[in-house]
PDB file of N, CA and C in Angstrom:
ATOM      1  N   UNK A   1      89.681  44.185  51.397  1.00  0.00           N
ATOM      2  CA  UNK A   1      88.117  44.704  50.984  1.00  0.00           C
ATOM      3  C   UNK A   1      87.073  43.862  50.737  1.00  0.00           C
ATOM      4  N   UNK A   2      86.355  44.442  50.528  1.00  0.00           N
ATOM      5  CA  UNK A   2      84.788  43.460  49.525  1.00  0.00           C
ATOM      6  C   UNK A   2      84.542  43.010  48.650  1.00  0.00           C
ATOM      7  N   UNK A   3      85.824  43.958  47.103  1.00  0.00           N
ATOM      8  CA  UNK A   3      85.286  43.808  46.490  1.00  0.00           C
ATOM      9  C   UNK A   3      87.068  43.411  45.728  1.00  0.00           C
ATOM     10  N   UNK A   4      86.987  41.970  45.418  1.00  0.00           N
ATOM     11  CA  UNK A   4      88.521  41.197  45.115  1.00  0.00           C
ATOM     12  C   UNK A   4      88.727  41.413  43.479  1.00  0.00           C
ATOM     13  N   UNK A   5      90.333  41.185  43.308  1.00  0.00           N
ATOM     14  CA  UNK A   5      90.477  41.254  42.415  1.00  0.00           C
ATOM     15  C   UNK A   5      89.484  40.569  41.121  1.00  0.00           C
ATOM     16  N   UNK A   6      89.474  38.729  41.651  1.00  0.00           N
ATOM     17  CA  UNK A   6      88.401  38.191  40.307  1.00  0.00           C
ATOM     18  C   UNK A   6      86.939  38.445  40.633  1.00  0.00           C
ATOM     19  N   UNK A   7      86.679  39.592  41.714  1.00  0.00           N
ATOM     20  CA  UNK A   7      85.320  40.381  41.274  1.00  0.00           C
ATOM     21  C   UNK A   7      85.520  41.275  39.968  1.00  0.00           C
ATOM     22  N   UNK A   8      86.492  41.528  40.459  1.00  0.00           N
ATOM     23  CA  UNK A   8      86.477  42.995  39.360  1.00  0.00           C
ATOM     24  C   UNK A   8      86.444  42.644  38.173  1.00  0.00           C
ATOM     25  N   UNK A   9      87.163  41.308  38.244  1.00  0.00           N
ATOM     26  CA  UNK A   9      87.737  40.901  36.640  1.00  0.00           C
ATOM     27  C   UNK A   9      86.453  40.802  35.696  1.00  0.00           C
ATOM     28  N   UNK A  10      85.555  40.259  37.214  1.00  0.00           N
ATOM     29  CA  UNK A  10      84.144  38.982  36.099  1.00  0.00           C
ATOM     30  C   UNK A  10      83.323  40.392  35.764  1.00  0.00           C
ATOM     31  N   UNK A  11      83.021  41.289  36.664  1.00  0.00           N
ATOM     32  CA  UNK A  11      82.675  42.354  36.116  1.00  0.00           C
ATOM     33  C   UNK A  11      83.187  43.350  35.170  1.00  0.00           C
ATOM     34  N   UNK A  12      83.941  43.538  34.946  1.00  0.00           N
ATOM     35  CA  UNK A  12      85.071  43.829  33.566  1.00  0.00           C
ATOM     36  C   UNK A  12      84.420  42.574  32.416  1.00  0.00           C
ATOM     37  N   UNK A  13      84.878  42.070  32.597  1.00  0.00           N
ATOM     38  CA  UNK A  13      84.973  40.256  31.588  1.00  0.00           C
ATOM     39  C   UNK A  13      82.751  40.480  31.055  1.00  0.00           C
ATOM     40  N   UNK A  14      81.827  40.621  32.090  1.00  0.00           N
ATOM     41  CA  UNK A  14      80.818  40.878  30.697  1.00  0.00           C
ATOM     42  C   UNK A  14      80.044  42.224  30.877  1.00  0.00           C
ATOM     43  N   UNK A  15      81.316  43.394  31.489  1.00  0.00           N
ATOM     44  CA  UNK A  15      79.768  44.303  31.076  1.00  0.00           C
ATOM     45  C   UNK A  15      81.064  44.791  29.972  1.00  0.00           C
ATOM     46  N   UNK A  16      82.277  44.889  29.739  1.00  0.00           N
ATOM     47  CA  UNK A  16      83.530  45.705  29.091  1.00  0.00           C
ATOM     48  C   UNK A  16      83.762  44.793  28.082  1.00  0.00           C
ATOM     49  N   UNK A  17      85.052  44.961  27.042  1.00  0.00           N
ATOM     50  CA  UNK A  17      85.756  44.482  26.011  1.00  0.00           C
ATOM     51  C   UNK A  17      86.373  42.785  26.385  1.00  0.00           C
ATOM     52  N   UNK A  18      86.623  43.384  27.332  1.00  0.00           N
ATOM     53  CA  UNK A  18      87.491  42.371  28.508  1.00  0.00           C
ATOM     54  C   UNK A  18      87.838  42.241  29.627  1.00  0.00           C
ATOM     55  N   UNK A  19      88.661  41.250  30.082  1.00  0.00           N
ATOM     56  CA  UNK A  19      88.804  41.614  31.772  1.00  0.00           C
ATOM     57  C   UNK A  19      89.531  42.460  32.001  1.00  0.00           C
ATOM     58  N   UNK A  20      90.289  43.228  31.157  1.00  0.00           N
ATOM     59  CA  UNK A  20      91.209  43.654  31.464  1.00  0.00           C
ATOM     60  C   UNK A  20      90.984  45.503  31.266  1.00  0.00           C
ATOM     61  N   UNK A  21      90.015  45.511  30.389  1.00  0.00           N
ATOM     62  CA  UNK A  21      89.027  46.362  29.729  1.00  0.00           C
ATOM     63  C   UNK A  21      88.566  47.269  31.310  1.00  0.00           C
ATOM     64  N   UNK A  22      88.950  48.339  31.929  1.00  0.00           N
ATOM     65  CA  UNK A  22      88.649  48.813  33.019  1.00  0.00           C
ATOM     66  C   UNK A  22      88.455  50.417  32.630  1.00  0.00           C
ATOM     67  N   UNK A  23      88.903  50.605  31.494  1.00  0.00           N
ATOM     68  CA  UNK A  23      88.462  52.241  31.164  1.00  0.00           C
ATOM     69  C   UNK A  23      87.178  52.321  30.393  1.00  0.00           C
ATOM     70  N   UNK A  24      86.602  51.417  30.123  1.00  0.00           N
ATOM     71  CA  UNK A  24      85.586  51.424  29.421  1.00  0.00           C
ATOM     72  C   UNK A  24      83.646  52.113  29.587  1.00  0.00           C
ATOM     73  N   UNK A  25      83.105  52.641  29.228  1.00  0.00           N
ATOM     74  CA  UNK A  25      82.075  53.434  30.533  1.00  0.00           C
ATOM     75  C   UNK A  25      81.623  52.314  30.425  1.00  0.00           C
ATOM     76  N   UNK A  26      81.039  51.537  30.235  1.00  0.00           N
ATOM     77  CA  UNK A  26      79.743  50.205  30.369  1.00  0.00           C
ATOM     78  C   UNK A  26      80.536  49.096  32.000  1.00  0.00           C
ATOM     79  N   UNK A  27      82.238  49.154  31.868  1.00  0.00           N
ATOM     80  CA  UNK A  27      82.580  48.203  32.499  1.00  0.00           C
ATOM     81  C   UNK A  27      82.490  49.368  34.332  1.00  0.00           C
ATOM     82  N   UNK A  28      83.134  50.855  33.234  1.00  0.00           N
ATOM     83  CA  UNK A  28      83.011  51.932  34.905  1.00  0.00           C
ATOM     84  C   UNK A  28      81.452  52.032  35.701  1.00  0.00           C
ATOM     85  N   UNK A  29      80.902  51.723  34.754  1.00  0.00           N
ATOM     86  CA  UNK A  29      79.478  51.407  35.639  1.00  0.00           C
ATOM     87  C   UNK A  29      78.790  50.315  36.248  1.00  0.00           C
ATOM     88  N   UNK A  30      79.406  49.171  35.341  1.00  0.00           N
ATOM     89  CA  UNK A  30      78.802  48.361  36.194  1.00  0.00           C
ATOM     90  C   UNK A  30      79.665  47.991  37.285  1.00  0.00           C
ATOM     91  N   UNK A  31      81.023  48.710  37.406  1.00  0.00           N
ATOM     92  CA  UNK A  31      81.481  48.604  38.830  1.00  0.00           C
ATOM     93  C   UNK A  31      80.648  49.247  40.201  1.00  0.00           C
ATOM     94  N   UNK A  32      80.660  50.685  39.240  1.00  0.00           N
ATOM     95  CA  UNK A  32      79.774  51.849  39.922  1.00  0.00           C
ATOM     96  C   UNK A  32      78.909  51.113  40.456  1.00  0.00           C
ATOM     97  N   UNK A  33      77.977  50.704  40.252  1.00  0.00           N
ATOM     98  CA  UNK A  33      76.602  49.660  40.544  1.00  0.00           C
ATOM     99  C   UNK A  33      76.531  48.509  41.496  1.00  0.00           C
ATOM    100  N   UNK A  34      77.987  48.152  40.866  1.00  0.00           N
ATOM    101  CA  UNK A  34      78.151  46.812  42.440  1.00  0.00           C
ATOM    102  C   UNK A  34      78.225  47.935  43.793  1.00  0.00           C
ATOM    103  N   UNK A  35      79.074  48.901  43.653  1.00  0.00           N
ATOM    104  CA  UNK A  35      79.761  49.363  45.061  1.00  0.00           C
ATOM    105  C   UNK A  35      78.663  50.198  45.466  1.00  0.00           C
ATOM    106  N   UNK A  36      77.296  50.794  44.779  1.00  0.00           N
ATOM    107  CA  UNK A  36      76.862  51.183  45.271  1.00  0.00           C
ATOM    108  C   UNK A  36      75.303  50.957  46.334  1.00  0.00           C
ATOM    109  N   UNK A  37      75.089  49.507  45.297  1.00  0.00           N
ATOM    110  CA  UNK A  37      74.300  48.064  45.660  1.00  0.00           C
ATOM    111  C   UNK A  37      74.733  48.052  47.318  1.00  0.00           C
ATOM    112  N   UNK A  38      76.413  47.395  47.624  1.00  0.00           N
ATOM    113  CA  UNK A  38      77.352  47.128  48.309  1.00  0.00           C
ATOM    114  C   UNK A  38      76.950  48.075  49.465  1.00  0.00           C
ATOM    115  N   UNK A  39      76.839  49.743  49.147  1.00  0.00           N
ATOM    116  CA  UNK A  39      77.290  50.601  50.260  1.00  0.00           C
ATOM    117  C   UNK A  39      75.633  50.839  50.712  1.00  0.00           C
ATOM    118  N   UNK A  40      74.165  50.682  49.724  1.00  0.00           N
ATOM    119  CA  UNK A  40      73.116  50.796  50.179  1.00  0.00           C
ATOM    120  C   UNK A  40      73.349  50.043  51.195  1.00  0.00           C
ATOM    121  N   UNK A  41      73.411  48.706  51.298  1.00  0.00           N
ATOM    122  CA  UNK A  41      73.396  47.411  51.849  1.00  0.00           C
ATOM    123  C   UNK A  41      73.477  48.025  53.163  1.00  0.00           C
ATOM    124  N   UNK A  42      75.127  48.201  53.310  1.00  0.00           N
ATOM    125  CA  UNK A  42      75.990  48.801  54.395  1.00  0.00           C
ATOM    126  C   UNK A  42      74.585  49.793  55.535  1.00  0.00           C
ATOM    127  N   UNK A  43      74.539  50.773  54.610  1.00  0.00           N
ATOM    128  CA  UNK A  43      73.786  51.914  55.799  1.00  0.00           C
ATOM    129  C   UNK A  43      72.204  51.845  56.233  1.00  0.00           C
ATOM    130  N   UNK A  44      71.410  50.536  55.252  1.00  0.00           N
ATOM    131  CA  UNK A  44      70.017  49.671  55.743  1.00  0.00           C
ATOM    132  C   UNK A  44      70.753  49.430  56.977  1.00  0.00           C
ATOM    133  N   UNK A  45      71.536  49.083  57.446  1.00  0.00           N
ATOM    134  CA  UNK A  45      72.021  48.596  58.823  1.00  0.00           C
ATOM    135  C   UNK A  45      72.928  49.327  59.610  1.00  0.00           C
ATOM    136  N   UNK A  46      73.646  50.402  59.441  1.00  0.00           N
ATOM    137  CA  UNK A  46      74.250  51.718  59.613  1.00  0.00           C
ATOM    138  C   UNK A  46      73.234  53.157  59.218  1.00  0.00           C
ATOM    139  N   UNK A  47      72.731  53.518  59.586  1.00  0.00           N
ATOM    140  CA  UNK A  47      71.916  54.470  59.701  1.00  0.00           C
ATOM    141  C   UNK A  47      72.589  55.881  59.735  1.00  0.00           C
ATOM    142  N   UNK A  48      73.603  55.907  60.589  1.00  0.00           N
ATOM    143  CA  UNK A  48      74.150  57.140  61.024  1.00  0.00           C
ATOM    144  C   UNK A  48      76.048  57.222  60.855  1.00  0.00           C
ATOM    145  N   UNK A  49      75.723  56.282  59.209  1.00  0.00           N
ATOM    146  CA  UNK A  49      77.415  56.163  58.937  1.00  0.00           C
ATOM    147  C   UNK A  49      77.278  57.060  57.801  1.00  0.00           C
ATOM    148  N   UNK A  50      77.668  58.517  57.938  1.00  0.00           N
ATOM    149  CA  UNK A  50      77.829  59.301  56.951  1.00  0.00           C
ATOM    150  C   UNK A  50      78.682  59.622  56.398  1.00  0.00           C
ATOM    151  N   UNK A  51      79.709  59.156  56.718  1.00  0.00           N
ATOM    152  CA  UNK A  51      80.812  59.102  55.404  1.00  0.00           C
ATOM    153  C   UNK A  51      80.917  58.355  54.528  1.00  0.00           C
ATOM    154  N   UNK A  52      80.093  57.102  54.630  1.00  0.00           N
ATOM    155  CA  UNK A  52      79.477  56.339  54.014  1.00  0.00           C
ATOM    156  C   UNK A  52      78.534  57.068  52.818  1.00  0.00           C
ATOM    157  N   UNK A  53      77.794  57.672  53.788  1.00  0.00           N
ATOM    158  CA  UNK A  53      76.639  58.292  53.214  1.00  0.00           C
ATOM    159  C   UNK A  53      76.328  59.133  52.039  1.00  0.00           C
ATOM    160  N   UNK A  54      77.819  59.756  52.395  1.00  0.00           N
ATOM    161  CA  UNK A  54      79.057  60.341  51.647  1.00  0.00           C
ATOM    162  C   UNK A  54      79.301  60.196  50.513  1.00  0.00           C
ATOM    163  N   UNK A  55      80.063  59.108  50.558  1.00  0.00           N
ATOM    164  CA  UNK A  55      80.391  58.278  49.102  1.00  0.00           C
ATOM    165  C   UNK A  55      80.016  57.287  48.510  1.00  0.00           C
ATOM    166  N   UNK A  56      78.719  57.535  49.197  1.00  0.00           N
ATOM    167  CA  UNK A  56      77.568  56.953  48.188  1.00  0.00           C
ATOM    168  C   UNK A  56      77.070  57.829  46.935  1.00  0.00           C
ATOM    169  N   UNK A  57      76.671  58.787  47.660  1.00  0.00           N
ATOM    170  CA  UNK A  57      76.282  59.867  47.122  1.00  0.00           C
ATOM    171  C   UNK A  57      77.182  60.496  45.627  1.00  0.00           C
ATOM    172  N   UNK A  58      78.235  60.261  46.367  1.00  0.00           N
ATOM    173  CA  UNK A  58      79.483  60.756  45.141  1.00  0.00           C
ATOM    174  C   UNK A  58      79.707  60.154  44.173  1.00  0.00           C
ATOM    175  N   UNK A  59      79.878  58.307  44.773  1.00  0.00           N
ATOM    176  CA  UNK A  59      79.901  57.195  43.453  1.00  0.00           C
ATOM    177  C   UNK A  59      78.041  57.548  42.497  1.00  0.00           C
ATOM    178  N   UNK A  60      77.133  58.123  42.922  1.00  0.00           N
ATOM    179  CA  UNK A  60      75.679  58.285  42.436  1.00  0.00           C
ATOM    180  C   UNK A  60      76.329  58.942  41.243  1.00  0.00           C
ATOM    181  N   UNK A  61      76.693  59.923  41.367  1.00  0.00           N
ATOM    182  CA  UNK A  61      76.510  61.470  40.684  1.00  0.00           C
ATOM    183  C   UNK A  61      78.006  60.784  39.569  1.00  0.00           C
ATOM    184  N   UNK A  62      78.992  60.378  40.161  1.00  0.00           N
ATOM    185  CA  UNK A  62      79.482  59.331  38.733  1.00  0.00           C
ATOM    186  C   UNK A  62      79.496  58.698  37.835  1.00  0.00           C
ATOM    187  N   UNK A  63      78.134  57.797  38.296  1.00  0.00           N
ATOM    188  CA  UNK A  63      77.702  57.017  37.704  1.00  0.00           C
ATOM    189  C   UNK A  63      76.591  57.701  36.530  1.00  0.00           C
ATOM    190  N   UNK A  64      76.096  58.632  36.987  1.00  0.00           N
ATOM    191  CA  UNK A  64      75.244  59.441  36.128  1.00  0.00           C
ATOM    192  C   UNK A  64      75.729  60.254  35.780  1.00  0.00           C
ATOM    193  N   UNK A  65      77.340  60.961  35.790  1.00  0.00           N
ATOM    194  CA  UNK A  65      77.604  61.735  34.426  1.00  0.00           C
ATOM    195  C   UNK A  65      77.906  60.602  34.065  1.00  0.00           C
ATOM    196  N   UNK A  66      78.618  59.885  34.304  1.00  0.00           N
ATOM    197  CA  UNK A  66      79.642  58.640  32.501  1.00  0.00           C
ATOM    198  C   UNK A  66      77.991  58.451  32.441  1.00  0.00           C
ATOM    199  N   UNK A  67      77.480  58.121  32.650  1.00  0.00           N
ATOM    200  CA  UNK A  67      75.298  57.361  31.886  1.00  0.00           C
ATOM    201  C   UNK A  67      75.264  58.809  30.870  1.00  0.00           C
ATOM    202  N   UNK A  68      75.179  59.985  31.128  1.00  0.00           N
ATOM    203  CA  UNK A  68      74.980  61.203  30.096  1.00  0.00           C
ATOM    204  C   UNK A  68      75.662  60.875  29.377  1.00  0.00           C
ATOM    205  N   UNK A  69      77.418  60.986  29.578  1.00  0.00           N
ATOM    206  CA  UNK A  69      78.378  61.149  28.528  1.00  0.00           C
ATOM    207  C   UNK A  69      78.317  59.830  27.365  1.00  0.00           C
ATOM    208  N   UNK A  70      77.715  58.695  28.073  1.00  0.00           N
ATOM    209  CA  UNK A  70      77.609  58.031  27.340  1.00  0.00           C
ATOM    210  C   UNK A  70      76.311  57.658  26.616  1.00  0.00           C
ATOM    211  N   UNK A  71      75.506  58.333  27.281  1.00  0.00           N
ATOM    212  CA  UNK A  71      73.802  59.062  25.984  1.00  0.00           C
ATOM    213  C   UNK A  71      74.219  59.906  25.495  1.00  0.00           C
ATOM    214  N   UNK A  72      75.172  61.145  25.662  1.00  0.00           N
ATOM    215  CA  UNK A  72      75.468  61.745  24.596  1.00  0.00           C
ATOM    216  C   UNK A  72      76.483  61.279  23.221  1.00  0.00           C
ATOM    217  N   UNK A  73      77.353  60.328  23.646  1.00  0.00           N
ATOM    218  CA  UNK A  73      78.308  59.841  22.736  1.00  0.00           C
ATOM    219  C   UNK A  73      77.957  58.398  21.730  1.00  0.00           C
ATOM    220  N   UNK A  74      76.897  57.617  22.381  1.00  0.00           N
ATOM    221  CA  UNK A  74      76.266  56.791  21.662  1.00  0.00           C
ATOM    222  C   UNK A  74      74.717  56.299  22.814  1.00  0.00           C
ATOM    223  N   UNK A  75      73.917  55.689  21.566  1.00  0.00           N
ATOM    224  CA  UNK A  75      72.793  56.329  22.586  1.00  0.00           C
ATOM    225  C   UNK A  75      72.771  54.654  22.597  1.00  0.00           C
ATOM    226  N   UNK A  76      72.753  53.726  21.814  1.00  0.00           N
ATOM    227  CA  UNK A  76      72.702  52.329  21.731  1.00  0.00           C
ATOM    228  C   UNK A  76      73.421  51.900  23.005  1.00  0.00           C
ATOM    229  N   UNK A  77      74.596  52.618  23.080  1.00  0.00           N
ATOM    230  CA  UNK A  77      74.981  52.016  23.632  1.00  0.00           C
ATOM    231  C   UNK A  77      74.521  51.851  25.147  1.00  0.00           C
ATOM    232  N   UNK A  78      74.308  53.301  25.410  1.00  0.00           N
ATOM    233  CA  UNK A  78      73.644  53.475  26.948  1.00  0.00           C
ATOM    234  C   UNK A  78      72.097  52.705  26.766  1.00  0.00           C
ATOM    235  N   UNK A  79      71.909  52.842  26.279  1.00  0.00           N
ATOM    236  CA  UNK A  79      70.204  51.377  26.124  1.00  0.00           C
ATOM    237  C   UNK A  79      70.636  51.045  26.394  1.00  0.00           C
ATOM    238  N   UNK A  80      71.584  50.107  25.828  1.00  0.00           N
ATOM    239  CA  UNK A  80      72.066  48.767  26.167  1.00  0.00           C
ATOM    240  C   UNK A  80      72.065  48.544  28.148  1.00  0.00           C
ATOM    241  N   UNK A  81      73.322  49.253  28.068  1.00  0.00           N
ATOM    242  CA  UNK A  81      74.205  48.729  29.845  1.00  0.00           C
ATOM    243  C   UNK A  81      72.329  49.347  30.643  1.00  0.00           C
ATOM    244  N   UNK A  82      71.625  50.099  30.180  1.00  0.00           N
ATOM    245  CA  UNK A  82      70.252  50.872  31.364  1.00  0.00           C
ATOM    246  C   UNK A  82      69.718  49.284  31.196  1.00  0.00           C
ATOM    247  N   UNK A  83      69.580  48.759  30.235  1.00  0.00           N
ATOM    248  CA  UNK A  83      68.627  47.234  30.801  1.00  0.00           C
ATOM    249  C   UNK A  83      69.578  46.453  30.724  1.00  0.00           C
ATOM    250  N   UNK A  84      70.748  46.199  30.964  1.00  0.00           N
ATOM    251  CA  UNK A  84      71.065  45.185  31.282  1.00  0.00           C
ATOM    252  C   UNK A  84      71.454  45.172  32.449  1.00  0.00           C
ATOM    253  N   UNK A  85      71.826  46.401  33.467  1.00  0.00           N
ATOM    254  CA  UNK A  85      71.876  46.831  34.677  1.00  0.00           C
ATOM    255  C   UNK A  85      70.372  46.622  35.691  1.00  0.00           C
ATOM    256  N   UNK A  86      69.601  47.137  34.894  1.00  0.00           N
ATOM    257  CA  UNK A  86      68.158  47.086  35.010  1.00  0.00           C
ATOM    258  C   UNK A  86      68.436  48.533  36.286  1.00  0.00           C
ATOM    259  N   UNK A  87      68.815  49.845  35.562  1.00  0.00           N
ATOM    260  CA  UNK A  87      68.542  51.026  35.548  1.00  0.00           C
ATOM    261  C   UNK A  87      67.934  51.749  35.161  1.00  0.00           C
ATOM    262  N   UNK A  88      67.294  53.088  36.547  1.00  0.00           N
ATOM    263  CA  UNK A  88      66.620  53.297  35.205  1.00  0.00           C
ATOM    264  C   UNK A  88      66.457  55.356  35.212  1.00  0.00           C
ATOM    265  N   UNK A  89      66.167  56.108  34.689  1.00  0.00           N
ATOM    266  CA  UNK A  89      66.604  57.426  34.880  1.00  0.00           C
ATOM    267  C   UNK A  89      65.191  57.549  35.984  1.00  0.00           C
TER     268      UNK A  89
END
């Protein structure tokens, strides 16, 4: 797989509470963002890969729903993760 366990732990350590904290919304959003960037690069080279395109659309939807949840739950955490990852609405 393109994402090793160590890479995942780095993402969760940077954006979550610890490297084993895989359930936090910030950690999941950061992981989804990494995967979205990876799939976007793949689709630039393989325009006719429709299965990957569908997976990308589903990941973007999951990330959007997590961001919406975080915005309703705690606006300061939402703003921090948006700024940290460079996302915008």
